[in-house]
Amino acid sequence: MAEFSDRPWSDIDKTVEAYGSVEKFCAACLIDLNPPGEEKVASKCKLPVKEPNGKYNKNALPAAAAALAGARGGVDAPAEEKRRAARKLVRLYRMAKMEPPESLKQLAGEK
């Protein structure tokens, strides 16, 4: 079962250094646009939802949902990657016993 934190997301250091490696940073993100088998580049990893300690952060979920909906300039990723991220995010909302926003459910392809 995934562990969740409710620390303020703005208090979390989301730098690659805080995560210890680019690989760990990318694993904390909903979107990883790095080609398989190639060295990871942090700028191709988007929407972190895990803290460096490995716990999902409940406050990161609405921030990621808002970005997928276009807030803060949106997310520079292909539509299918956004849909995949939305599906993951809906699952995380439910695991955290939170209600996903309608806009997120629509993006994920739910009715």
N, C-alpha and C. Protein backbone atom coordinates (compact mmCIF):
# COMPACT_ATOMS: atom_id res chain seq x y z
N MET A 1 0.84 -1.19 0.00
CA MET A 1 0.00 0.00 0.00
C MET A 1 0.88 1.24 0.00
N ALA A 2 0.53 2.19 -0.80
CA ALA A 2 1.30 3.43 -0.89
C ALA A 2 1.14 4.25 0.39
N GLU A 3 2.21 4.89 0.77
CA GLU A 3 2.17 5.79 1.94
C GLU A 3 1.97 7.22 1.47
N PHE A 4 1.20 7.97 2.24
CA PHE A 4 0.91 9.36 1.90
C PHE A 4 1.31 10.29 3.04
N SER A 5 1.78 11.46 2.65
CA SER A 5 2.12 12.53 3.57
C SER A 5 1.15 13.67 3.33
N ASP A 6 0.93 14.50 4.34
CA ASP A 6 0.10 15.68 4.12
C ASP A 6 0.88 16.96 4.43
N ARG A 7 2.21 16.87 4.35
CA ARG A 7 3.04 18.06 4.52
C ARG A 7 2.71 19.07 3.42
N PRO A 8 2.84 20.36 3.70
CA PRO A 8 2.62 21.36 2.64
C PRO A 8 3.57 21.10 1.47
N TRP A 9 3.04 20.99 0.27
CA TRP A 9 3.85 20.68 -0.91
C TRP A 9 4.88 21.77 -1.15
N SER A 10 4.55 23.00 -0.80
CA SER A 10 5.50 24.11 -0.99
C SER A 10 6.71 23.99 -0.06
N ASP A 11 6.61 23.20 1.00
CA ASP A 11 7.74 23.01 1.93
C ASP A 11 8.70 21.92 1.47
N ILE A 12 8.34 21.17 0.46
CA ILE A 12 9.15 20.03 0.01
C ILE A 12 10.19 20.51 -0.99
N ASP A 13 11.44 20.11 -0.78
CA ASP A 13 12.52 20.39 -1.73
C ASP A 13 12.37 19.41 -2.89
N LYS A 14 12.05 19.94 -4.06
CA LYS A 14 11.80 19.10 -5.22
C LYS A 14 12.93 19.16 -6.24
N THR A 15 14.15 19.41 -5.75
CA THR A 15 15.31 19.43 -6.64
C THR A 15 15.84 18.01 -6.83
N VAL A 16 16.54 17.80 -7.92
CA VAL A 16 17.17 16.50 -8.17
C VAL A 16 18.10 16.14 -7.02
N GLU A 17 18.79 17.14 -6.48
CA GLU A 17 19.72 16.90 -5.37
C GLU A 17 18.99 16.33 -4.16
N ALA A 18 17.80 16.84 -3.88
CA ALA A 18 17.03 16.34 -2.73
C ALA A 18 16.64 14.88 -2.92
N TYR A 19 16.38 14.48 -4.16
CA TYR A 19 15.99 13.10 -4.44
C TYR A 19 17.20 12.17 -4.51
N GLY A 20 18.39 12.73 -4.70
CA GLY A 20 19.60 11.92 -4.71
C GLY A 20 20.07 11.50 -6.08
N SER A 21 19.19 11.50 -7.07
CA SER A 21 19.59 11.16 -8.44
C SER A 21 18.46 11.55 -9.39
N VAL A 22 18.81 11.68 -10.66
CA VAL A 22 17.79 11.99 -11.67
C VAL A 22 16.80 10.83 -11.76
N GLU A 23 17.29 9.60 -11.64
CA GLU A 23 16.41 8.43 -11.72
C GLU A 23 15.34 8.46 -10.63
N LYS A 24 15.76 8.79 -9.40
CA LYS A 24 14.80 8.84 -8.29
C LYS A 24 13.81 10.00 -8.47
N PHE A 25 14.31 11.14 -8.99
CA PHE A 25 13.41 12.26 -9.26
C PHE A 25 12.36 11.85 -10.29
N CYS A 26 12.81 11.23 -11.38
CA CYS A 26 11.88 10.84 -12.44
C CYS A 26 10.87 9.80 -11.93
N ALA A 27 11.30 8.92 -11.03
CA ALA A 27 10.39 7.93 -10.46
C ALA A 27 9.32 8.59 -9.59
N ALA A 28 9.59 9.79 -9.10
CA ALA A 28 8.63 10.53 -8.27
C ALA A 28 7.63 11.32 -9.10
N CYS A 29 7.82 11.33 -10.42
CA CYS A 29 6.98 12.13 -11.32
C CYS A 29 5.93 11.27 -12.02
N LEU A 30 4.84 11.90 -12.41
CA LEU A 30 3.78 11.22 -13.15
C LEU A 30 4.15 11.03 -14.62
N ILE A 31 4.97 11.92 -15.16
CA ILE A 31 5.35 11.86 -16.57
C ILE A 31 6.86 11.78 -16.69
N ASP A 32 7.34 10.79 -17.44
CA ASP A 32 8.77 10.63 -17.74
C ASP A 32 8.89 10.48 -19.25
N LEU A 33 9.36 11.53 -19.91
CA LEU A 33 9.47 11.54 -21.37
C LEU A 33 10.83 11.06 -21.87
N ASN A 34 11.67 10.56 -20.98
CA ASN A 34 12.98 10.05 -21.38
C ASN A 34 12.81 8.77 -22.20
N PRO A 35 13.56 8.66 -23.31
CA PRO A 35 13.48 7.42 -24.10
C PRO A 35 14.01 6.24 -23.29
N PRO A 36 13.35 5.08 -23.38
CA PRO A 36 13.81 3.90 -22.65
C PRO A 36 15.26 3.55 -23.00
N GLY A 37 16.02 3.19 -22.00
CA GLY A 37 17.40 2.77 -22.21
C GLY A 37 18.41 3.89 -22.30
N GLU A 38 17.94 5.13 -22.35
CA GLU A 38 18.87 6.26 -22.42
C GLU A 38 19.02 6.88 -21.04
N GLU A 39 20.11 7.63 -20.86
CA GLU A 39 20.34 8.31 -19.59
C GLU A 39 19.21 9.30 -19.34
N LYS A 40 18.72 9.31 -18.12
CA LYS A 40 17.59 10.19 -17.77
C LYS A 40 18.03 11.64 -17.66
N VAL A 41 17.14 12.53 -18.09
CA VAL A 41 17.32 13.98 -18.00
C VAL A 41 16.14 14.51 -17.20
N ALA A 42 16.42 15.24 -16.13
CA ALA A 42 15.36 15.71 -15.21
C ALA A 42 14.31 16.57 -15.90
N SER A 43 14.71 17.36 -16.88
CA SER A 43 13.76 18.27 -17.54
C SER A 43 12.69 17.51 -18.33
N LYS A 44 12.89 16.22 -18.57
CA LYS A 44 11.90 15.42 -19.28
C LYS A 44 10.94 14.71 -18.31
N CYS A 45 11.11 14.98 -17.02
CA CYS A 45 10.25 14.39 -16.00
C CYS A 45 9.38 15.49 -15.41
N LYS A 46 8.08 15.24 -15.40
CA LYS A 46 7.13 16.30 -15.04
C LYS A 46 6.12 15.80 -14.01
N LEU A 47 5.64 16.74 -13.21
CA LEU A 47 4.60 16.50 -12.21
C LEU A 47 5.04 15.55 -11.10
N PRO A 48 6.03 15.97 -10.30
CA PRO A 48 6.39 15.13 -9.16
C PRO A 48 5.24 15.07 -8.16
N VAL A 49 4.99 13.89 -7.62
CA VAL A 49 3.94 13.71 -6.61
C VAL A 49 4.45 12.97 -5.38
N LYS A 50 5.72 12.57 -5.43
CA LYS A 50 6.34 11.90 -4.28
C LYS A 50 7.38 12.81 -3.66
N GLU A 51 7.50 12.74 -2.35
CA GLU A 51 8.54 13.45 -1.63
C GLU A 51 9.85 12.67 -1.79
N PRO A 52 11.00 13.31 -1.51
CA PRO A 52 12.26 12.57 -1.59
C PRO A 52 12.31 11.34 -0.69
N ASN A 53 11.49 11.30 0.37
CA ASN A 53 11.46 10.13 1.26
C ASN A 53 10.64 8.98 0.69
N GLY A 54 10.06 9.17 -0.50
CA GLY A 54 9.32 8.11 -1.17
C GLY A 54 7.82 8.10 -0.93
N LYS A 55 7.34 8.94 -0.01
CA LYS A 55 5.90 9.00 0.25
C LYS A 55 5.22 9.89 -0.78
N TYR A 56 4.02 9.49 -1.18
CA TYR A 56 3.21 10.38 -2.01
C TYR A 56 2.74 11.52 -1.13
N ASN A 57 2.60 12.70 -1.72
CA ASN A 57 2.17 13.86 -0.96
C ASN A 57 0.74 14.22 -1.39
N LYS A 58 -0.20 14.21 -0.44
CA LYS A 58 -1.60 14.51 -0.75
C LYS A 58 -1.77 15.90 -1.34
N ASN A 59 -0.93 16.84 -0.95
CA ASN A 59 -1.03 18.21 -1.45
C ASN A 59 -0.44 18.36 -2.85
N ALA A 60 0.35 17.39 -3.28
CA ALA A 60 0.89 17.41 -4.64
C ALA A 60 -0.17 16.99 -5.65
N LEU A 61 -1.14 16.21 -5.21
CA LEU A 61 -2.15 15.70 -6.14
C LEU A 61 -2.99 16.82 -6.76
N PRO A 62 -3.55 17.75 -5.97
CA PRO A 62 -4.30 18.86 -6.59
C PRO A 62 -3.41 19.76 -7.45
N ALA A 63 -2.14 19.92 -7.05
CA ALA A 63 -1.22 20.74 -7.85
C ALA A 63 -1.00 20.10 -9.22
N ALA A 64 -0.80 18.78 -9.24
CA ALA A 64 -0.61 18.07 -10.50
C ALA A 64 -1.89 18.10 -11.34
N ALA A 65 -3.03 17.92 -10.69
CA ALA A 65 -4.31 17.96 -11.41
C ALA A 65 -4.53 19.33 -12.04
N ALA A 66 -4.21 20.39 -11.30
CA ALA A 66 -4.37 21.75 -11.83
C ALA A 66 -3.45 21.98 -13.03
N ALA A 67 -2.21 21.50 -12.94
CA ALA A 67 -1.28 21.65 -14.06
C ALA A 67 -1.78 20.89 -15.29
N LEU A 68 -2.30 19.69 -15.09
CA LEU A 68 -2.84 18.93 -16.22
C LEU A 68 -4.04 19.64 -16.83
N ALA A 69 -4.77 20.40 -16.02
CA ALA A 69 -5.93 21.16 -16.52
C ALA A 69 -5.53 22.49 -17.15
N GLY A 70 -4.23 22.82 -17.13
CA GLY A 70 -3.75 24.02 -17.79
C GLY A 70 -3.23 25.11 -16.88
N ALA A 71 -3.30 24.92 -15.56
CA ALA A 71 -2.80 25.94 -14.63
C ALA A 71 -1.28 26.07 -14.74
N ARG A 72 -0.78 27.23 -14.39
CA ARG A 72 0.66 27.52 -14.40
C ARG A 72 1.28 27.19 -15.76
N GLY A 73 0.56 27.42 -16.83
CA GLY A 73 1.10 27.17 -18.17
C GLY A 73 0.88 25.76 -18.67
N GLY A 74 0.27 24.91 -17.86
CA GLY A 74 0.00 23.54 -18.29
C GLY A 74 1.24 22.67 -18.27
N VAL A 75 1.15 21.55 -18.93
CA VAL A 75 2.24 20.57 -18.97
C VAL A 75 2.64 20.36 -20.42
N ASP A 76 3.92 20.53 -20.70
CA ASP A 76 4.44 20.33 -22.05
C ASP A 76 4.73 18.84 -22.24
N ALA A 77 3.70 18.13 -22.69
CA ALA A 77 3.82 16.69 -22.91
C ALA A 77 2.76 16.28 -23.94
N PRO A 78 3.00 15.18 -24.65
CA PRO A 78 2.00 14.70 -25.61
C PRO A 78 0.68 14.35 -24.91
N ALA A 79 -0.41 14.47 -25.65
CA ALA A 79 -1.75 14.24 -25.09
C ALA A 79 -1.87 12.86 -24.44
N GLU A 80 -1.31 11.83 -25.05
CA GLU A 80 -1.43 10.48 -24.48
C GLU A 80 -0.69 10.37 -23.16
N GLU A 81 0.44 11.06 -23.03
CA GLU A 81 1.18 11.06 -21.75
C GLU A 81 0.37 11.78 -20.67
N LYS A 82 -0.31 12.86 -21.06
CA LYS A 82 -1.17 13.57 -20.10
C LYS A 82 -2.33 12.69 -19.65
N ARG A 83 -2.91 11.95 -20.59
CA ARG A 83 -4.02 11.05 -20.26
C ARG A 83 -3.53 9.95 -19.31
N ARG A 84 -2.36 9.39 -19.60
CA ARG A 84 -1.78 8.35 -18.74
C ARG A 84 -1.52 8.91 -17.34
N ALA A 85 -0.98 10.13 -17.27
CA ALA A 85 -0.71 10.77 -15.98
C ALA A 85 -2.02 11.02 -15.23
N ALA A 86 -3.05 11.42 -15.96
CA ALA A 86 -4.36 11.67 -15.34
C ALA A 86 -4.92 10.38 -14.75
N ARG A 87 -4.76 9.26 -15.46
CA ARG A 87 -5.24 7.98 -14.94
C ARG A 87 -4.51 7.61 -13.66
N LYS A 88 -3.19 7.76 -13.66
CA LYS A 88 -2.40 7.48 -12.45
C LYS A 88 -2.85 8.37 -11.30
N LEU A 89 -3.08 9.64 -11.63
CA LEU A 89 -3.46 10.61 -10.61
C LEU A 89 -4.83 10.30 -10.01
N VAL A 90 -5.77 9.87 -10.84
CA VAL A 90 -7.09 9.48 -10.33
C VAL A 90 -6.94 8.31 -9.36
N ARG A 91 -6.10 7.32 -9.72
CA ARG A 91 -5.86 6.19 -8.81
C ARG A 91 -5.26 6.66 -7.49
N LEU A 92 -4.29 7.59 -7.57
CA LEU A 92 -3.66 8.10 -6.35
C LEU A 92 -4.67 8.85 -5.48
N TYR A 93 -5.51 9.66 -6.10
CA TYR A 93 -6.56 10.36 -5.34
C TYR A 93 -7.39 9.34 -4.55
N ARG A 94 -7.79 8.28 -5.21
CA ARG A 94 -8.65 7.28 -4.56
C ARG A 94 -7.90 6.53 -3.47
N MET A 95 -6.63 6.22 -3.71
CA MET A 95 -5.82 5.55 -2.68
C MET A 95 -5.67 6.45 -1.45
N ALA A 96 -5.61 7.77 -1.69
CA ALA A 96 -5.48 8.74 -0.59
C ALA A 96 -6.84 9.08 0.03
N LYS A 97 -7.89 8.40 -0.45
CA LYS A 97 -9.26 8.65 0.02
C LYS A 97 -9.69 10.10 -0.20
N MET A 98 -9.33 10.60 -1.39
CA MET A 98 -9.69 11.96 -1.81
C MET A 98 -10.53 11.83 -3.08
N GLU A 99 -11.38 12.80 -3.33
CA GLU A 99 -12.22 12.80 -4.53
C GLU A 99 -11.50 13.53 -5.66
N PRO A 100 -11.22 12.84 -6.79
CA PRO A 100 -10.57 13.53 -7.90
C PRO A 100 -11.50 14.55 -8.55
N PRO A 101 -10.95 15.68 -9.01
CA PRO A 101 -11.78 16.69 -9.67
C PRO A 101 -12.38 16.15 -10.97
N GLU A 102 -13.54 16.67 -11.34
CA GLU A 102 -14.21 16.24 -12.57
C GLU A 102 -13.32 16.42 -13.79
N SER A 103 -12.60 17.55 -13.86
CA SER A 103 -11.73 17.80 -15.02
C SER A 103 -10.67 16.72 -15.15
N LEU A 104 -10.17 16.23 -14.03
CA LEU A 104 -9.15 15.17 -14.06
C LEU A 104 -9.78 13.85 -14.52
N LYS A 105 -10.96 13.55 -14.02
CA LYS A 105 -11.63 12.31 -14.42
C LYS A 105 -11.94 12.34 -15.92
N GLN A 106 -12.33 13.49 -16.43
CA GLN A 106 -12.60 13.61 -17.87
C GLN A 106 -11.33 13.39 -18.67
N LEU A 107 -10.23 14.00 -18.25
CA LEU A 107 -8.96 13.84 -18.95
C LEU A 107 -8.52 12.38 -18.92
N ALA A 108 -8.81 11.69 -17.83
CA ALA A 108 -8.44 10.28 -17.68
C ALA A 108 -9.35 9.36 -18.51
N GLY A 109 -10.42 9.93 -19.05
CA GLY A 109 -11.33 9.15 -19.87
C GLY A 109 -12.47 8.51 -19.09
N GLU A 110 -12.68 8.97 -17.86
CA GLU A 110 -13.80 8.45 -17.06
C GLU A 110 -15.04 9.28 -17.32
N LYS A 111 -16.17 8.67 -17.16
CA LYS A 111 -17.45 9.37 -17.36
C LYS A 111 -17.85 10.10 -16.11
